[in-house]
Amino acid sequence: MADLYLPGATRLLIGDDAPTDGGPAKAVAHVTYDREATAAKPQNLVPYSNLRDWFGKNADGRTMAPHILWDPWTGRFTQFYPATSRSKSVADRPGGTRTNRAGRVVLQIEALFFPHCRVDGKVYARLIDTPCKGWADLNAWVRSWGVPDVWPMGRPTAFTSNRSEKVWESKPGWYAHAHVPENDHTDPGSWPVFTSAPKTYEPYPGASFFMNGTRPALGKRSPIFTAMGERLVAEGCGRYKVGPGPVLGQADVNSYEAWQRKQGFTGSDAKWPPGRTTWDALKVPNV
């Protein structure tokens, strides 16, 4: 199961959690843009602690807090909401699409940055010019919540806006603040490229993959079933007389239910189909 909290992040929880609406999983990229600077007149970066306390402790800041505040120079993170709650970093007008809630998750990330900020005497015009420390960990955590490594409205490359409510409501992936309906911001201007996804283990394919309506999908063929069965045998839960093989059979069902019981599940919770928690614990090799 994906972690509610980004591993390694400091937690400064606001405490007014609220559910999302379901639908395509999304992440929203922001920069704090807390000072106006130019190439001719750069300004010193605002201290990370200022933004952390603004979002986490200030009454006004708490009304616009994201899930994650990220310092791309040091790799520090502070988290204000668990992943499954909505946060408040985009405008959400009455009667329209619920921008902060329009997905199974809507993970909002604020990078500490403004154009032409100065750090240790060096000036940075774009977020991608910074060290982007911690990005790989952040990207992996967002990905673990089902947010694919895609920009449905294009990877941001400038401080310009481009919005489509239809795309926003129907497509999973990463969105710039500049892509979110009902909003007028043009950030983040740039964002680091996606990191390589680890391919050690087969990702959970969803309960429907294992079912034919309300019954197990017996007779379905996939190399995943072979890899799954081999891991069940290795864990001492195999109930096979032959195989395992690529065709789903009753022995696979019996074996997986034995694995779910071994993991502490009972009753209907131990029945087929596989759940995300036990699937991730089984560590099925990627096929």
C-alpha atoms as a PDB file:
ATOM      1  CA  MET A   1       0.000   0.000   0.000  1.00  0.00           C
ATOM      2  CA  ALA A   2       1.287   3.488  -0.821  1.00  0.00           C
ATOM      3  CA  ASP A   3       2.430   5.599   2.113  1.00  0.00           C
ATOM      4  CA  LEU A   4       0.082   8.343   3.287  1.00  0.00           C
ATOM      5  CA  TYR A   5       3.153  10.417   4.063  1.00  0.00           C
ATOM      6  CA  LEU A   6       6.199  11.022   1.899  1.00  0.00           C
ATOM      7  CA  PRO A   7       9.041   9.022   3.480  1.00  0.00           C
ATOM      8  CA  GLY A   8      11.510  11.396   5.088  1.00  0.00           C
ATOM      9  CA  ALA A   9       9.167  14.393   5.118  1.00  0.00           C
ATOM     10  CA  THR A  10       8.630  16.412   8.270  1.00  0.00           C
ATOM     11  CA  ARG A  11       4.957  16.373   9.214  1.00  0.00           C
ATOM     12  CA  LEU A  12       3.252  19.626  10.156  1.00  0.00           C
ATOM     13  CA  LEU A  13      -0.313  18.442   9.862  1.00  0.00           C
ATOM     14  CA  ILE A  14      -3.033  21.053   9.639  1.00  0.00           C
ATOM     15  CA  GLY A  15      -5.772  18.682  10.764  1.00  0.00           C
ATOM     16  CA  ASP A  16      -8.781  19.685   8.651  1.00  0.00           C
ATOM     17  CA  ASP A  17      -8.580  16.668   6.327  1.00  0.00           C
ATOM     18  CA  ALA A  18     -11.366  16.172   3.787  1.00  0.00           C
ATOM     19  CA  PRO A  19     -11.933  13.455   1.178  1.00  0.00           C
ATOM     20  CA  THR A  20     -11.365  13.729  -2.538  1.00  0.00           C
ATOM     21  CA  ASP A  21     -14.092  12.940  -5.076  1.00  0.00           C
ATOM     22  CA  GLY A  22     -12.437  10.006  -6.841  1.00  0.00           C
ATOM     23  CA  GLY A  23     -11.497   9.792 -10.496  1.00  0.00           C
ATOM     24  CA  PRO A  24      -8.161  10.087 -12.326  1.00  0.00           C
ATOM     25  CA  ALA A  25      -5.211  10.436  -9.937  1.00  0.00           C
ATOM     26  CA  LYS A  26      -3.431  13.782 -10.274  1.00  0.00           C
ATOM     27  CA  ALA A  27      -0.510  15.813  -9.006  1.00  0.00           C
ATOM     28  CA  VAL A  28      -0.332  19.603  -9.281  1.00  0.00           C
ATOM     29  CA  ALA A  29       3.037  21.379  -9.595  1.00  0.00           C
ATOM     30  CA  HIS A  30       3.446  24.830  -8.042  1.00  0.00           C
ATOM     31  CA  VAL A  31       6.233  27.207  -7.098  1.00  0.00           C
ATOM     32  CA  THR A  32       5.853  29.467  -4.081  1.00  0.00           C
ATOM     33  CA  TYR A  33       6.635  32.640  -6.134  1.00  0.00           C
ATOM     34  CA  ASP A  34       6.817  34.624  -2.902  1.00  0.00           C
ATOM     35  CA  ARG A  35       8.946  37.494  -4.238  1.00  0.00           C
ATOM     36  CA  GLU A  36       9.026  39.479  -7.477  1.00  0.00           C
ATOM     37  CA  ALA A  37      12.535  39.554  -8.908  1.00  0.00           C
ATOM     38  CA  THR A  38      14.072  40.157 -12.325  1.00  0.00           C
ATOM     39  CA  ALA A  39      17.296  39.257 -14.077  1.00  0.00           C
ATOM     40  CA  ALA A  40      18.454  42.830 -13.462  1.00  0.00           C
ATOM     41  CA  LYS A  41      17.308  42.802  -9.830  1.00  0.00           C
ATOM     42  CA  PRO A  42      17.511  39.306  -8.338  1.00  0.00           C
ATOM     43  CA  GLN A  43      16.446  38.753  -4.735  1.00  0.00           C
ATOM     44  CA  ASN A  44      17.535  36.368  -2.031  1.00  0.00           C
ATOM     45  CA  LEU A  45      15.488  33.193  -1.663  1.00  0.00           C
ATOM     46  CA  VAL A  46      12.985  33.319   1.174  1.00  0.00           C
ATOM     47  CA  PRO A  47      14.015  30.916   3.970  1.00  0.00           C
ATOM     48  CA  TYR A  48      12.370  27.513   3.862  1.00  0.00           C
ATOM     49  CA  SER A  49      11.245  27.912   7.488  1.00  0.00           C
ATOM     50  CA  ASN A  50       9.225  31.006   6.547  1.00  0.00           C
ATOM     51  CA  LEU A  51       7.153  29.099   4.000  1.00  0.00           C
ATOM     52  CA  ARG A  52       6.855  26.039   6.240  1.00  0.00           C
ATOM     53  CA  ASP A  53       5.456  28.143   9.082  1.00  0.00           C
ATOM     54  CA  TRP A  54       3.260  30.170   6.724  1.00  0.00           C
ATOM     55  CA  PHE A  55       1.484  27.108   5.413  1.00  0.00           C
ATOM     56  CA  GLY A  56       1.481  25.177   8.662  1.00  0.00           C
ATOM     57  CA  LYS A  57       0.885  27.786  11.349  1.00  0.00           C
ATOM     58  CA  ASN A  58      -0.368  31.057   9.844  1.00  0.00           C
ATOM     59  CA  ALA A  59      -4.167  31.381   9.625  1.00  0.00           C
ATOM     60  CA  ASP A  60      -4.043  32.825   6.095  1.00  0.00           C
ATOM     61  CA  GLY A  61      -1.384  30.402   4.899  1.00  0.00           C
ATOM     62  CA  ARG A  62      -3.347  27.395   6.116  1.00  0.00           C
ATOM     63  CA  THR A  63      -6.180  28.341   3.760  1.00  0.00           C
ATOM     64  CA  MET A  64      -3.896  27.659   0.772  1.00  0.00           C
ATOM     65  CA  ALA A  65      -1.607  24.914   2.047  1.00  0.00           C
ATOM     66  CA  PRO A  66      -0.443  22.114  -0.289  1.00  0.00           C
ATOM     67  CA  HIS A  67       0.290  18.516   0.570  1.00  0.00           C
ATOM     68  CA  ILE A  68       4.053  18.998   0.255  1.00  0.00           C
ATOM     69  CA  LEU A  69       6.478  21.903   0.517  1.00  0.00           C
ATOM     70  CA  TRP A  70       9.731  20.994  -1.254  1.00  0.00           C
ATOM     71  CA  ASP A  71      13.128  22.691  -0.951  1.00  0.00           C
ATOM     72  CA  PRO A  72      14.940  21.801  -4.209  1.00  0.00           C
ATOM     73  CA  TRP A  73      18.321  22.979  -2.867  1.00  0.00           C
ATOM     74  CA  THR A  74      18.445  20.689   0.174  1.00  0.00           C
ATOM     75  CA  GLY A  75      15.842  18.005  -0.538  1.00  0.00           C
ATOM     76  CA  ARG A  76      13.817  18.909   2.544  1.00  0.00           C
ATOM     77  CA  PHE A  77      10.085  18.267   2.594  1.00  0.00           C
ATOM     78  CA  THR A  78       7.265  19.253   4.905  1.00  0.00           C
ATOM     79  CA  GLN A  79       3.862  17.585   4.582  1.00  0.00           C
ATOM     80  CA  PHE A  80       0.656  19.304   5.703  1.00  0.00           C
ATOM     81  CA  TYR A  81      -2.011  16.779   4.627  1.00  0.00           C
ATOM     82  CA  PRO A  82      -2.036  12.997   4.141  1.00  0.00           C
ATOM     83  CA  ALA A  83      -2.140  11.872   0.525  1.00  0.00           C
ATOM     84  CA  THR A  84      -5.814  10.881   0.636  1.00  0.00           C
ATOM     85  CA  SER A  85      -7.035  14.285   1.811  1.00  0.00           C
ATOM     86  CA  ARG A  86      -7.662  17.272  -0.405  1.00  0.00           C
ATOM     87  CA  SER A  87      -5.363  20.222   0.136  1.00  0.00           C
ATOM     88  CA  LYS A  88      -6.047  23.867  -0.679  1.00  0.00           C
ATOM     89  CA  SER A  89      -3.445  25.214  -3.092  1.00  0.00           C
ATOM     90  CA  VAL A  90      -5.706  25.885  -6.059  1.00  0.00           C
ATOM     91  CA  ALA A  91      -8.759  28.119  -6.332  1.00  0.00           C
ATOM     92  CA  ASP A  92     -12.040  26.199  -6.181  1.00  0.00           C
ATOM     93  CA  ARG A  93     -15.060  28.213  -7.214  1.00  0.00           C
ATOM     94  CA  PRO A  94     -18.589  27.245  -6.112  1.00  0.00           C
ATOM     95  CA  GLY A  95     -20.564  25.286  -8.672  1.00  0.00           C
ATOM     96  CA  GLY A  96     -17.698  24.172 -10.914  1.00  0.00           C
ATOM     97  CA  THR A  97     -15.294  21.260 -10.927  1.00  0.00           C
ATOM     98  CA  ARG A  98     -13.949  20.721  -7.425  1.00  0.00           C
ATOM     99  CA  THR A  99     -10.352  21.447  -8.319  1.00  0.00           C
ATOM    100  CA  ASN A 100      -8.787  20.445  -5.005  1.00  0.00           C
ATOM    101  CA  ARG A 101     -10.728  17.160  -4.978  1.00  0.00           C
ATOM    102  CA  ALA A 102     -11.103  16.067  -8.625  1.00  0.00           C
ATOM    103  CA  GLY A 103      -9.278  12.727  -8.422  1.00  0.00           C
ATOM    104  CA  ARG A 104      -8.627   9.640  -6.344  1.00  0.00           C
ATOM    105  CA  VAL A 105      -5.750  11.772  -5.108  1.00  0.00           C
ATOM    106  CA  VAL A 106      -4.906  15.366  -6.043  1.00  0.00           C
ATOM    107  CA  LEU A 107      -1.387  15.718  -4.665  1.00  0.00           C
ATOM    108  CA  GLN A 108      -0.256  19.329  -4.598  1.00  0.00           C
ATOM    109  CA  ILE A 109       3.446  20.111  -4.495  1.00  0.00           C
ATOM    110  CA  GLU A 110       4.861  23.579  -3.777  1.00  0.00           C
ATOM    111  CA  ALA A 111       8.520  23.992  -4.718  1.00  0.00           C
ATOM    112  CA  LEU A 112      10.316  26.753  -2.816  1.00  0.00           C
ATOM    113  CA  PHE A 113      11.234  28.964  -5.758  1.00  0.00           C
ATOM    114  CA  PHE A 114      10.686  32.216  -7.615  1.00  0.00           C
ATOM    115  CA  PRO A 115      12.365  33.301 -10.862  1.00  0.00           C
ATOM    116  CA  HIS A 116      15.720  35.059 -10.422  1.00  0.00           C
ATOM    117  CA  CYS A 117      16.107  34.017  -6.810  1.00  0.00           C
ATOM    118  CA  ARG A 118      19.610  34.149  -5.353  1.00  0.00           C
ATOM    119  CA  VAL A 119      21.131  31.360  -3.239  1.00  0.00           C
ATOM    120  CA  ASP A 120      24.745  31.529  -2.035  1.00  0.00           C
ATOM    121  CA  GLY A 121      25.475  34.234  -4.587  1.00  0.00           C
ATOM    122  CA  LYS A 122      24.100  32.322  -7.577  1.00  0.00           C
ATOM    123  CA  VAL A 123      20.939  33.379  -9.391  1.00  0.00           C
ATOM    124  CA  TYR A 124      18.424  30.833 -10.677  1.00  0.00           C
ATOM    125  CA  ALA A 125      16.029  31.790 -13.460  1.00  0.00           C
ATOM    126  CA  ARG A 126      14.114  28.494 -13.610  1.00  0.00           C
ATOM    127  CA  LEU A 127      13.226  25.764 -11.149  1.00  0.00           C
ATOM    128  CA  ILE A 128      15.022  23.206 -13.325  1.00  0.00           C
ATOM    129  CA  ASP A 129      18.248  25.225 -12.899  1.00  0.00           C
ATOM    130  CA  THR A 130      18.258  24.383  -9.173  1.00  0.00           C
ATOM    131  CA  PRO A 131      19.826  21.143  -7.867  1.00  0.00           C
ATOM    132  CA  CYS A 132      16.290  19.621  -7.647  1.00  0.00           C
ATOM    133  CA  LYS A 133      17.449  17.539  -4.684  1.00  0.00           C
ATOM    134  CA  GLY A 134      14.842  15.069  -3.494  1.00  0.00           C
ATOM    135  CA  TRP A 135      12.962  15.023  -6.786  1.00  0.00           C
ATOM    136  CA  ALA A 136      13.497  11.310  -7.405  1.00  0.00           C
ATOM    137  CA  ASP A 137      11.985  10.446  -4.013  1.00  0.00           C
ATOM    138  CA  LEU A 138       9.100  12.846  -4.520  1.00  0.00           C
ATOM    139  CA  ASN A 139       8.395  11.547  -8.034  1.00  0.00           C
ATOM    140  CA  ALA A 140       8.433   7.936  -6.809  1.00  0.00           C
ATOM    141  CA  TRP A 141       6.009   8.706  -3.962  1.00  0.00           C
ATOM    142  CA  VAL A 142       3.562  10.487  -6.262  1.00  0.00           C
ATOM    143  CA  ARG A 143       3.828   7.601  -8.737  1.00  0.00           C
ATOM    144  CA  SER A 144       3.029   5.130  -5.935  1.00  0.00           C
ATOM    145  CA  TRP A 145      -0.399   6.767  -5.648  1.00  0.00           C
ATOM    146  CA  GLY A 146      -1.246   5.917  -9.240  1.00  0.00           C
ATOM    147  CA  VAL A 147      -0.280   9.258 -10.791  1.00  0.00           C
ATOM    148  CA  PRO A 148       1.374   8.392 -14.129  1.00  0.00           C
ATOM    149  CA  ASP A 149       4.496  10.152 -15.388  1.00  0.00           C
ATOM    150  CA  VAL A 150       2.658  12.208 -18.005  1.00  0.00           C
ATOM    151  CA  TRP A 151       1.607  15.830 -18.474  1.00  0.00           C
ATOM    152  CA  PRO A 152      -1.861  15.661 -20.112  1.00  0.00           C
ATOM    153  CA  MET A 153      -1.608  19.344 -21.034  1.00  0.00           C
ATOM    154  CA  GLY A 154       2.126  19.446 -21.690  1.00  0.00           C
ATOM    155  CA  ARG A 155       5.171  19.766 -19.476  1.00  0.00           C
ATOM    156  CA  PRO A 156       5.495  23.385 -18.315  1.00  0.00           C
ATOM    157  CA  THR A 157       8.321  25.275 -19.994  1.00  0.00           C
ATOM    158  CA  ALA A 158       7.302  28.907 -19.411  1.00  0.00           C
ATOM    159  CA  PHE A 159       5.052  31.028 -17.218  1.00  0.00           C
ATOM    160  CA  THR A 160       2.046  30.728 -19.507  1.00  0.00           C
ATOM    161  CA  SER A 161      -1.437  29.292 -18.964  1.00  0.00           C
ATOM    162  CA  ASN A 162      -3.322  26.605 -20.869  1.00  0.00           C
ATOM    163  CA  ARG A 163      -6.501  25.204 -19.340  1.00  0.00           C
ATOM    164  CA  SER A 164      -9.100  22.612 -20.320  1.00  0.00           C
ATOM    165  CA  GLU A 165     -11.712  21.489 -17.834  1.00  0.00           C
ATOM    166  CA  LYS A 166     -12.462  18.419 -19.981  1.00  0.00           C
ATOM    167  CA  VAL A 167      -8.839  17.246 -19.888  1.00  0.00           C
ATOM    168  CA  TRP A 168      -8.525  18.061 -16.182  1.00  0.00           C
ATOM    169  CA  GLU A 169     -11.558  15.988 -15.251  1.00  0.00           C
ATOM    170  CA  SER A 170     -10.769  12.990 -17.468  1.00  0.00           C
ATOM    171  CA  LYS A 171      -6.977  12.469 -17.632  1.00  0.00           C
ATOM    172  CA  PRO A 172      -4.625  11.276 -14.869  1.00  0.00           C
ATOM    173  CA  GLY A 173      -1.135  12.666 -14.540  1.00  0.00           C
ATOM    174  CA  TRP A 174       0.784  15.794 -13.589  1.00  0.00           C
ATOM    175  CA  TYR A 175      -0.675  19.259 -14.112  1.00  0.00           C
ATOM    176  CA  ALA A 176       0.889  22.660 -13.754  1.00  0.00           C
ATOM    177  CA  HIS A 177      -0.974  25.173 -11.613  1.00  0.00           C
ATOM    178  CA  ALA A 178      -1.288  26.945 -14.972  1.00  0.00           C
ATOM    179  CA  HIS A 179      -3.403  24.017 -16.247  1.00  0.00           C
ATOM    180  CA  VAL A 180      -6.003  23.912 -13.473  1.00  0.00           C
ATOM    181  CA  PRO A 181      -9.497  25.198 -14.316  1.00  0.00           C
ATOM    182  CA  GLU A 182     -10.842  28.174 -12.349  1.00  0.00           C
ATOM    183  CA  ASN A 183      -7.285  29.384 -11.618  1.00  0.00           C
ATOM    184  CA  ASP A 184      -5.312  32.285 -13.097  1.00  0.00           C
ATOM    185  CA  HIS A 185      -1.748  31.431 -11.987  1.00  0.00           C
ATOM    186  CA  THR A 186       0.910  30.648 -14.601  1.00  0.00           C
ATOM    187  CA  ASP A 187       3.369  28.676 -12.448  1.00  0.00           C
ATOM    188  CA  PRO A 188       5.536  26.641 -12.115  1.00  0.00           C
ATOM    189  CA  GLY A 189       7.257  27.764 -15.361  1.00  0.00           C
ATOM    190  CA  SER A 190       9.378  24.604 -15.470  1.00  0.00           C
ATOM    191  CA  TRP A 191       9.569  21.248 -13.685  1.00  0.00           C
ATOM    192  CA  PRO A 192      12.200  18.492 -13.556  1.00  0.00           C
ATOM    193  CA  VAL A 193      11.936  15.512 -15.897  1.00  0.00           C
ATOM    194  CA  PHE A 194      10.489  12.294 -14.572  1.00  0.00           C
ATOM    195  CA  THR A 195      12.877   9.808 -13.020  1.00  0.00           C
ATOM    196  CA  SER A 196      13.061   6.192 -14.119  1.00  0.00           C
ATOM    197  CA  ALA A 197      10.382   4.072 -12.497  1.00  0.00           C
ATOM    198  CA  PRO A 198      11.733   1.094 -10.579  1.00  0.00           C
ATOM    199  CA  LYS A 199      10.831  -2.152 -12.346  1.00  0.00           C
ATOM    200  CA  THR A 200      11.842  -4.666  -9.714  1.00  0.00           C
ATOM    201  CA  TYR A 201       8.284  -5.703  -8.836  1.00  0.00           C
ATOM    202  CA  GLU A 202       5.050  -6.021 -10.773  1.00  0.00           C
ATOM    203  CA  PRO A 203       2.702  -3.162  -9.831  1.00  0.00           C
ATOM    204  CA  TYR A 204      -0.697  -4.057  -8.449  1.00  0.00           C
ATOM    205  CA  PRO A 205      -2.944  -4.484 -11.506  1.00  0.00           C
ATOM    206  CA  GLY A 206      -6.199  -3.765  -9.672  1.00  0.00           C
ATOM    207  CA  ALA A 207      -8.874  -6.128  -8.380  1.00  0.00           C
ATOM    208  CA  SER A 208     -10.727  -6.169 -11.708  1.00  0.00           C
ATOM    209  CA  PHE A 209      -7.700  -7.787 -13.396  1.00  0.00           C
ATOM    210  CA  PHE A 210      -8.332 -10.924 -11.341  1.00  0.00           C
ATOM    211  CA  MET A 211     -12.099 -11.077 -11.794  1.00  0.00           C
ATOM    212  CA  ASN A 212     -14.727 -11.875 -14.401  1.00  0.00           C
ATOM    213  CA  GLY A 213     -17.641  -9.931 -13.007  1.00  0.00           C
ATOM    214  CA  THR A 214     -18.193 -11.277  -9.489  1.00  0.00           C
ATOM    215  CA  ARG A 215     -16.222 -14.488 -10.070  1.00  0.00           C
ATOM    216  CA  PRO A 216     -12.511 -15.258 -10.348  1.00  0.00           C
ATOM    217  CA  ALA A 217     -11.289 -14.902 -13.947  1.00  0.00           C
ATOM    218  CA  LEU A 218     -10.454 -18.605 -14.256  1.00  0.00           C
ATOM    219  CA  GLY A 219      -8.902 -19.408 -17.621  1.00  0.00           C
ATOM    220  CA  LYS A 220      -7.428 -15.935 -18.107  1.00  0.00           C
ATOM    221  CA  ARG A 221      -3.858 -16.058 -19.405  1.00  0.00           C
ATOM    222  CA  SER A 222      -1.046 -13.745 -18.276  1.00  0.00           C
ATOM    223  CA  PRO A 223       2.640 -14.143 -17.352  1.00  0.00           C
ATOM    224  CA  ILE A 224       1.733 -12.293 -14.154  1.00  0.00           C
ATOM    225  CA  PHE A 225      -0.031 -15.430 -12.896  1.00  0.00           C
ATOM    226  CA  THR A 226       3.117 -17.505 -13.365  1.00  0.00           C
ATOM    227  CA  ALA A 227       5.259 -14.980 -11.485  1.00  0.00           C
ATOM    228  CA  MET A 228       2.608 -14.671  -8.769  1.00  0.00           C
ATOM    229  CA  GLY A 229       2.364 -18.433  -8.341  1.00  0.00           C
ATOM    230  CA  GLU A 230       6.108 -18.875  -8.088  1.00  0.00           C
ATOM    231  CA  ARG A 231       6.248 -16.309  -5.308  1.00  0.00           C
ATOM    232  CA  LEU A 232       3.344 -18.013  -3.488  1.00  0.00           C
ATOM    233  CA  VAL A 233       5.229 -21.310  -3.621  1.00  0.00           C
ATOM    234  CA  ALA A 234       8.364 -19.565  -2.304  1.00  0.00           C
ATOM    235  CA  GLU A 235       6.329 -18.187   0.615  1.00  0.00           C
ATOM    236  CA  GLY A 236       5.016 -21.617   1.529  1.00  0.00           C
ATOM    237  CA  CYS A 237       1.493 -20.895   0.326  1.00  0.00           C
ATOM    238  CA  GLY A 238       1.471 -22.931  -2.883  1.00  0.00           C
ATOM    239  CA  ARG A 239      -1.517 -25.226  -3.320  1.00  0.00           C
ATOM    240  CA  TYR A 240      -0.473 -26.504  -6.741  1.00  0.00           C
ATOM    241  CA  LYS A 241      -0.351 -30.080  -8.033  1.00  0.00           C
ATOM    242  CA  VAL A 242       1.057 -28.794 -11.333  1.00  0.00           C
ATOM    243  CA  GLY A 243       2.376 -25.385 -12.306  1.00  0.00           C
ATOM    244  CA  PRO A 244       2.057 -22.601 -11.567  1.00  0.00           C
ATOM    245  CA  GLY A 245       1.517 -21.509 -15.130  1.00  0.00           C
ATOM    246  CA  PRO A 246       0.217 -18.572 -17.124  1.00  0.00           C
ATOM    247  CA  VAL A 247      -3.469 -19.608 -16.977  1.00  0.00           C
ATOM    248  CA  LEU A 248      -5.372 -18.609 -13.844  1.00  0.00           C
ATOM    249  CA  GLY A 249      -6.783 -21.664 -12.085  1.00  0.00           C
ATOM    250  CA  GLN A 250      -8.438 -22.601  -8.820  1.00  0.00           C
ATOM    251  CA  ALA A 251      -5.040 -23.529  -7.383  1.00  0.00           C
ATOM    252  CA  ASP A 252      -3.946 -19.916  -7.847  1.00  0.00           C
ATOM    253  CA  VAL A 253      -7.030 -18.732  -5.981  1.00  0.00           C
ATOM    254  CA  ASN A 254      -6.467 -21.206  -3.148  1.00  0.00           C
ATOM    255  CA  SER A 255      -2.784 -20.322  -2.925  1.00  0.00           C
ATOM    256  CA  TYR A 256      -3.375 -16.587  -2.826  1.00  0.00           C
ATOM    257  CA  GLU A 257      -6.074 -16.929  -0.185  1.00  0.00           C
ATOM    258  CA  ALA A 258      -3.554 -18.900   1.904  1.00  0.00           C
ATOM    259  CA  TRP A 259      -1.112 -15.992   1.461  1.00  0.00           C
ATOM    260  CA  GLN A 260      -3.735 -13.463   2.566  1.00  0.00           C
ATOM    261  CA  ARG A 261      -4.423 -15.525   5.695  1.00  0.00           C
ATOM    262  CA  LYS A 262      -0.680 -15.700   6.342  1.00  0.00           C
ATOM    263  CA  GLN A 263      -0.639 -11.896   6.202  1.00  0.00           C
ATOM    264  CA  GLY A 264      -3.226 -11.785   8.991  1.00  0.00           C
ATOM    265  CA  PHE A 265      -6.423 -11.288   7.004  1.00  0.00           C
ATOM    266  CA  THR A 266      -9.517 -13.265   7.955  1.00  0.00           C
ATOM    267  CA  GLY A 267     -13.045 -13.881   6.687  1.00  0.00           C
ATOM    268  CA  SER A 268     -14.036 -12.072   3.517  1.00  0.00           C
ATOM    269  CA  ASP A 269     -10.851  -9.969   3.674  1.00  0.00           C
ATOM    270  CA  ALA A 270      -8.814 -13.119   3.032  1.00  0.00           C
ATOM    271  CA  LYS A 271     -10.834 -14.131  -0.028  1.00  0.00           C
ATOM    272  CA  TRP A 272      -9.967 -13.644  -3.706  1.00  0.00           C
ATOM    273  CA  PRO A 273      -9.221 -11.237  -5.400  1.00  0.00           C
ATOM    274  CA  PRO A 274      -5.771 -10.082  -4.275  1.00  0.00           C
ATOM    275  CA  GLY A 275      -5.670  -6.750  -2.478  1.00  0.00           C
ATOM    276  CA  ARG A 276      -3.012  -4.064  -2.892  1.00  0.00           C
ATOM    277  CA  THR A 277      -1.522  -4.593   0.579  1.00  0.00           C
ATOM    278  CA  THR A 278      -0.889  -8.324   0.186  1.00  0.00           C
ATOM    279  CA  TRP A 279       0.163  -7.908  -3.456  1.00  0.00           C
ATOM    280  CA  ASP A 280       2.829  -5.366  -2.558  1.00  0.00           C
ATOM    281  CA  ALA A 281       4.002  -7.609   0.295  1.00  0.00           C
ATOM    282  CA  LEU A 282       4.302 -10.604  -2.070  1.00  0.00           C
ATOM    283  CA  LYS A 283       6.848  -8.741  -4.265  1.00  0.00           C
ATOM    284  CA  VAL A 284       5.945 -10.378  -7.582  1.00  0.00           C
ATOM    285  CA  PRO A 285       8.860  -9.922 -10.042  1.00  0.00           C
ATOM    286  CA  ASN A 286       8.167  -7.534 -12.869  1.00  0.00           C
ATOM    287  CA  VAL A 287       7.202  -9.286 -16.087  1.00  0.00           C
END
